[in-house]
Amino acid sequence: MKYLVKFKDGRKTTVFYEGSLNNMCFDDMGYLRGDDFIINLNDVIYIIPFTGEEE
């Protein structure tokens, strides 16, 4: 599923993550690792399902 990620510095990006938000696994250092991305949880404001429209 595709998710919209908004960072504290104002950047937004979309990432594809297999599974649901409830199943996202951040490692013990606070990183979410996907096939083509690494996100630091401390830099994120929110991660929501991407509906095709950005705010």
PDB file of N, CA and C in Angstrom:
ATOM      1  N   MET A   1       0.848  -1.182   0.000  1.00  0.00           N
ATOM      2  CA  MET A   1       0.000   0.000   0.000  1.00  0.00           C
ATOM      3  C   MET A   1       0.892   1.243   0.000  1.00  0.00           C
ATOM      4  N   LYS A   2       0.403   2.296  -0.587  1.00  0.00           N
ATOM      5  CA  LYS A   2       1.158   3.541  -0.656  1.00  0.00           C
ATOM      6  C   LYS A   2       0.754   4.446   0.510  1.00  0.00           C
ATOM      7  N   TYR A   3       1.770   5.051   1.131  1.00  0.00           N
ATOM      8  CA  TYR A   3       1.541   5.935   2.278  1.00  0.00           C
ATOM      9  C   TYR A   3       2.170   7.296   2.016  1.00  0.00           C
ATOM     10  N   LEU A   4       1.517   8.333   2.556  1.00  0.00           N
ATOM     11  CA  LEU A   4       2.051   9.692   2.512  1.00  0.00           C
ATOM     12  C   LEU A   4       2.764   9.948   3.823  1.00  0.00           C
ATOM     13  N   VAL A   5       4.011  10.407   3.734  1.00  0.00           N
ATOM     14  CA  VAL A   5       4.818  10.693   4.914  1.00  0.00           C
ATOM     15  C   VAL A   5       5.104  12.186   4.942  1.00  0.00           C
ATOM     16  N   LYS A   6       4.796  12.836   6.065  1.00  0.00           N
ATOM     17  CA  LYS A   6       5.128  14.253   6.226  1.00  0.00           C
ATOM     18  C   LYS A   6       6.201  14.365   7.298  1.00  0.00           C
ATOM     19  N   PHE A   7       7.274  15.074   6.935  1.00  0.00           N
ATOM     20  CA  PHE A   7       8.407  15.246   7.838  1.00  0.00           C
ATOM     21  C   PHE A   7       8.311  16.575   8.572  1.00  0.00           C
ATOM     22  N   LYS A   8       9.010  16.680   9.697  1.00  0.00           N
ATOM     23  CA  LYS A   8       9.004  17.895  10.515  1.00  0.00           C
ATOM     24  C   LYS A   8       9.536  19.110   9.773  1.00  0.00           C
ATOM     25  N   ASP A   9      10.418  18.911   8.782  1.00  0.00           N
ATOM     26  CA  ASP A   9      10.961  20.049   8.036  1.00  0.00           C
ATOM     27  C   ASP A   9      10.057  20.482   6.882  1.00  0.00           C
ATOM     28  N   GLY A  10       8.857  19.878   6.773  1.00  0.00           N
ATOM     29  CA  GLY A  10       7.892  20.295   5.761  1.00  0.00           C
ATOM     30  C   GLY A  10       7.864  19.436   4.512  1.00  0.00           C
ATOM     31  N   ARG A  11       8.859  18.566   4.332  1.00  0.00           N
ATOM     32  CA  ARG A  11       8.869  17.703   3.150  1.00  0.00           C
ATOM     33  C   ARG A  11       7.760  16.670   3.242  1.00  0.00           C
ATOM     34  N   LYS A  12       7.266  16.282   2.067  1.00  0.00           N
ATOM     35  CA  LYS A  12       6.302  15.199   1.968  1.00  0.00           C
ATOM     36  C   LYS A  12       6.785  14.236   0.902  1.00  0.00           C
ATOM     37  N   THR A  13       6.532  12.973   1.113  1.00  0.00           N
ATOM     38  CA  THR A  13       6.883  11.966   0.122  1.00  0.00           C
ATOM     39  C   THR A  13       5.903  10.809   0.239  1.00  0.00           C
ATOM     40  N   THR A  14       5.845   9.995  -0.777  1.00  0.00           N
ATOM     41  CA  THR A  14       5.046   8.782  -0.699  1.00  0.00           C
ATOM     42  C   THR A  14       5.988   7.584  -0.712  1.00  0.00           C
ATOM     43  N   VAL A  15       5.617   6.564   0.028  1.00  0.00           N
ATOM     44  CA  VAL A  15       6.396   5.336   0.067  1.00  0.00           C
ATOM     45  C   VAL A  15       5.445   4.165  -0.109  1.00  0.00           C
ATOM     46  N   PHE A  16       5.945   3.111  -0.710  1.00  0.00           N
ATOM     47  CA  PHE A  16       5.168   1.886  -0.830  1.00  0.00           C
ATOM     48  C   PHE A  16       5.647   0.932   0.250  1.00  0.00           C
ATOM     49  N   TYR A  17       4.702   0.473   1.078  1.00  0.00           N
ATOM     50  CA  TYR A  17       5.041  -0.425   2.172  1.00  0.00           C
ATOM     51  C   TYR A  17       4.077  -1.596   2.154  1.00  0.00           C
ATOM     52  N   GLU A  18       4.613  -2.802   2.099  1.00  0.00           N
ATOM     53  CA  GLU A  18       3.771  -3.997   2.158  1.00  0.00           C
ATOM     54  C   GLU A  18       3.145  -4.082   3.542  1.00  0.00           C
ATOM     55  N   GLY A  19       1.852  -4.216   3.599  1.00  0.00           N
ATOM     56  CA  GLY A  19       1.187  -4.353   4.888  1.00  0.00           C
ATOM     57  C   GLY A  19       0.521  -3.065   5.337  1.00  0.00           C
ATOM     58  N   SER A  20      -0.025  -3.102   6.528  1.00  0.00           N
ATOM     59  CA  SER A  20      -0.792  -1.972   7.050  1.00  0.00           C
ATOM     60  C   SER A  20       0.033  -1.134   8.017  1.00  0.00           C
ATOM     61  N   LEU A  21      -0.510   0.016   8.379  1.00  0.00           N
ATOM     62  CA  LEU A  21       0.156   0.882   9.353  1.00  0.00           C
ATOM     63  C   LEU A  21       0.361   0.158  10.681  1.00  0.00           C
ATOM     64  N   ASN A  22      -0.592  -0.675  11.050  1.00  0.00           N
ATOM     65  CA  ASN A  22      -0.489  -1.397  12.324  1.00  0.00           C
ATOM     66  C   ASN A  22       0.668  -2.383  12.329  1.00  0.00           C
ATOM     67  N   ASN A  23       1.090  -2.821  11.155  1.00  0.00           N
ATOM     68  CA  ASN A  23       2.158  -3.812  11.063  1.00  0.00           C
ATOM     69  C   ASN A  23       3.526  -3.209  10.771  1.00  0.00           C
ATOM     70  N   MET A  24       3.621  -1.881  10.691  1.00  0.00           N
ATOM     71  CA  MET A  24       4.911  -1.246  10.419  1.00  0.00           C
ATOM     72  C   MET A  24       5.843  -1.509  11.589  1.00  0.00           C
ATOM     73  N   CYS A  25       7.030  -1.959  11.283  1.00  0.00           N
ATOM     74  CA  CYS A  25       7.983  -2.317  12.336  1.00  0.00           C
ATOM     75  C   CYS A  25       9.172  -1.364  12.310  1.00  0.00           C
ATOM     76  N   PHE A  26       9.255  -0.523  13.325  1.00  0.00           N
ATOM     77  CA  PHE A  26      10.415   0.339  13.498  1.00  0.00           C
ATOM     78  C   PHE A  26      11.434  -0.433  14.317  1.00  0.00           C
ATOM     79  N   ASP A  27      12.692  -0.383  13.890  1.00  0.00           N
ATOM     80  CA  ASP A  27      13.717  -1.125  14.625  1.00  0.00           C
ATOM     81  C   ASP A  27      14.059  -0.411  15.930  1.00  0.00           C
ATOM     82  N   ASP A  28      14.976  -0.967  16.690  1.00  0.00           N
ATOM     83  CA  ASP A  28      15.296  -0.410  18.017  1.00  0.00           C
ATOM     84  C   ASP A  28      15.966   0.958  17.955  1.00  0.00           C
ATOM     85  N   MET A  29      16.388   1.396  16.765  1.00  0.00           N
ATOM     86  CA  MET A  29      16.965   2.734  16.608  1.00  0.00           C
ATOM     87  C   MET A  29      15.940   3.727  16.064  1.00  0.00           C
ATOM     88  N   GLY A  30      14.688   3.290  15.856  1.00  0.00           N
ATOM     89  CA  GLY A  30      13.637   4.184  15.414  1.00  0.00           C
ATOM     90  C   GLY A  30      13.543   4.353  13.909  1.00  0.00           C
ATOM     91  N   TYR A  31      14.046   3.384  13.154  1.00  0.00           N
ATOM     92  CA  TYR A  31      14.008   3.471  11.699  1.00  0.00           C
ATOM     93  C   TYR A  31      13.022   2.474  11.121  1.00  0.00           C
ATOM     94  N   LEU A  32      12.258   2.937  10.134  1.00  0.00           N
ATOM     95  CA  LEU A  32      11.400   2.070   9.333  1.00  0.00           C
ATOM     96  C   LEU A  32      12.122   1.838   8.027  1.00  0.00           C
ATOM     97  N   ARG A  33      12.374   0.586   7.711  1.00  0.00           N
ATOM     98  CA  ARG A  33      13.139   0.253   6.518  1.00  0.00           C
ATOM     99  C   ARG A  33      12.249  -0.481   5.522  1.00  0.00           C
ATOM    100  N   GLY A  34      12.228   0.043   4.289  1.00  0.00           N
ATOM    101  CA  GLY A  34      11.493  -0.594   3.214  1.00  0.00           C
ATOM    102  C   GLY A  34      12.441  -0.988   2.106  1.00  0.00           C
ATOM    103  N   ASP A  35      11.883  -1.449   0.998  1.00  0.00           N
ATOM    104  CA  ASP A  35      12.720  -1.868  -0.122  1.00  0.00           C
ATOM    105  C   ASP A  35      13.529  -0.717  -0.694  1.00  0.00           C
ATOM    106  N   ASP A  36      12.956   0.488  -0.721  1.00  0.00           N
ATOM    107  CA  ASP A  36      13.643   1.623  -1.339  1.00  0.00           C
ATOM    108  C   ASP A  36      13.608   2.884  -0.477  1.00  0.00           C
ATOM    109  N   PHE A  37      13.474   2.724   0.834  1.00  0.00           N
ATOM    110  CA  PHE A  37      13.467   3.893   1.715  1.00  0.00           C
ATOM    111  C   PHE A  37      13.895   3.498   3.125  1.00  0.00           C
ATOM    112  N   ILE A  38      14.378   4.488   3.862  1.00  0.00           N
ATOM    113  CA  ILE A  38      14.650   4.372   5.296  1.00  0.00           C
ATOM    114  C   ILE A  38      14.111   5.657   5.920  1.00  0.00           C
ATOM    115  N   ILE A  39      13.226   5.528   6.887  1.00  0.00           N
ATOM    116  CA  ILE A  39      12.609   6.689   7.530  1.00  0.00           C
ATOM    117  C   ILE A  39      12.934   6.661   9.012  1.00  0.00           C
ATOM    118  N   ASN A  40      13.416   7.794   9.522  1.00  0.00           N
ATOM    119  CA  ASN A  40      13.670   7.934  10.952  1.00  0.00           C
ATOM    120  C   ASN A  40      12.389   8.447  11.603  1.00  0.00           C
ATOM    121  N   LEU A  41      11.855   7.689  12.542  1.00  0.00           N
ATOM    122  CA  LEU A  41      10.597   8.046  13.203  1.00  0.00           C
ATOM    123  C   LEU A  41      10.666   9.421  13.863  1.00  0.00           C
ATOM    124  N   ASN A  42      11.848   9.830  14.334  1.00  0.00           N
ATOM    125  CA  ASN A  42      11.993  11.128  14.999  1.00  0.00           C
ATOM    126  C   ASN A  42      11.824  12.302  14.045  1.00  0.00           C
ATOM    127  N   ASP A  43      11.918  12.066  12.737  1.00  0.00           N
ATOM    128  CA  ASP A  43      11.787  13.133  11.743  1.00  0.00           C
ATOM    129  C   ASP A  43      10.382  13.243  11.164  1.00  0.00           C
ATOM    130  N   VAL A  44       9.467  12.373  11.587  1.00  0.00           N
ATOM    131  CA  VAL A  44       8.155  12.257  10.959  1.00  0.00           C
ATOM    132  C   VAL A  44       7.070  12.902  11.815  1.00  0.00           C
ATOM    133  N   ILE A  45       6.161  13.646  11.150  1.00  0.00           N
ATOM    134  CA  ILE A  45       4.968  14.154  11.825  1.00  0.00           C
ATOM    135  C   ILE A  45       3.862  13.111  11.723  1.00  0.00           C
ATOM    136  N   TYR A  46       3.639  12.603  10.499  1.00  0.00           N
ATOM    137  CA  TYR A  46       2.629  11.557  10.340  1.00  0.00           C
ATOM    138  C   TYR A  46       2.918  10.668   9.142  1.00  0.00           C
ATOM    139  N   ILE A  47       2.318   9.487   9.187  1.00  0.00           N
ATOM    140  CA  ILE A  47       2.303   8.550   8.062  1.00  0.00           C
ATOM    141  C   ILE A  47       0.859   8.130   7.907  1.00  0.00           C
ATOM    142  N   ILE A  48       0.266   8.440   6.750  1.00  0.00           N
ATOM    143  CA  ILE A  48      -1.137   8.112   6.511  1.00  0.00           C
ATOM    144  C   ILE A  48      -1.284   7.414   5.160  1.00  0.00           C
ATOM    145  N   PRO A  49      -2.350   6.635   4.985  1.00  0.00           N
ATOM    146  CA  PRO A  49      -2.586   6.031   3.669  1.00  0.00           C
ATOM    147  C   PRO A  49      -2.712   7.124   2.618  1.00  0.00           C
ATOM    148  N   PHE A  50      -2.105   6.909   1.466  1.00  0.00           N
ATOM    149  CA  PHE A  50      -2.116   7.883   0.372  1.00  0.00           C
ATOM    150  C   PHE A  50      -3.340   7.643  -0.489  1.00  0.00           C
ATOM    151  N   THR A  51      -4.169   8.680  -0.623  1.00  0.00           N
ATOM    152  CA  THR A  51      -5.414   8.564  -1.387  1.00  0.00           C
ATOM    153  C   THR A  51      -5.292   9.165  -2.780  1.00  0.00           C
ATOM    154  N   GLY A  52      -4.137   9.735  -3.095  1.00  0.00           N
ATOM    155  CA  GLY A  52      -3.946  10.365  -4.393  1.00  0.00           C
ATOM    156  C   GLY A  52      -4.054  11.870  -4.340  1.00  0.00           C
ATOM    157  N   GLU A  53      -4.400  12.397  -3.174  1.00  0.00           N
ATOM    158  CA  GLU A  53      -4.514  13.855  -3.007  1.00  0.00           C
ATOM    159  C   GLU A  53      -3.659  14.281  -1.826  1.00  0.00           C
ATOM    160  N   GLU A  54      -2.756  15.229  -2.076  1.00  0.00           N
ATOM    161  CA  GLU A  54      -1.964  15.784  -0.975  1.00  0.00           C
ATOM    162  C   GLU A  54      -2.696  16.973  -0.390  1.00  0.00           C
ATOM    163  N   GLU A  55      -2.449  17.239   0.871  1.00  0.00           N
ATOM    164  CA  GLU A  55      -3.106  18.369   1.545  1.00  0.00           C
ATOM    165  C   GLU A  55      -2.531  19.680   1.066  1.00  0.00           C
TER     166      GLU A  55
END
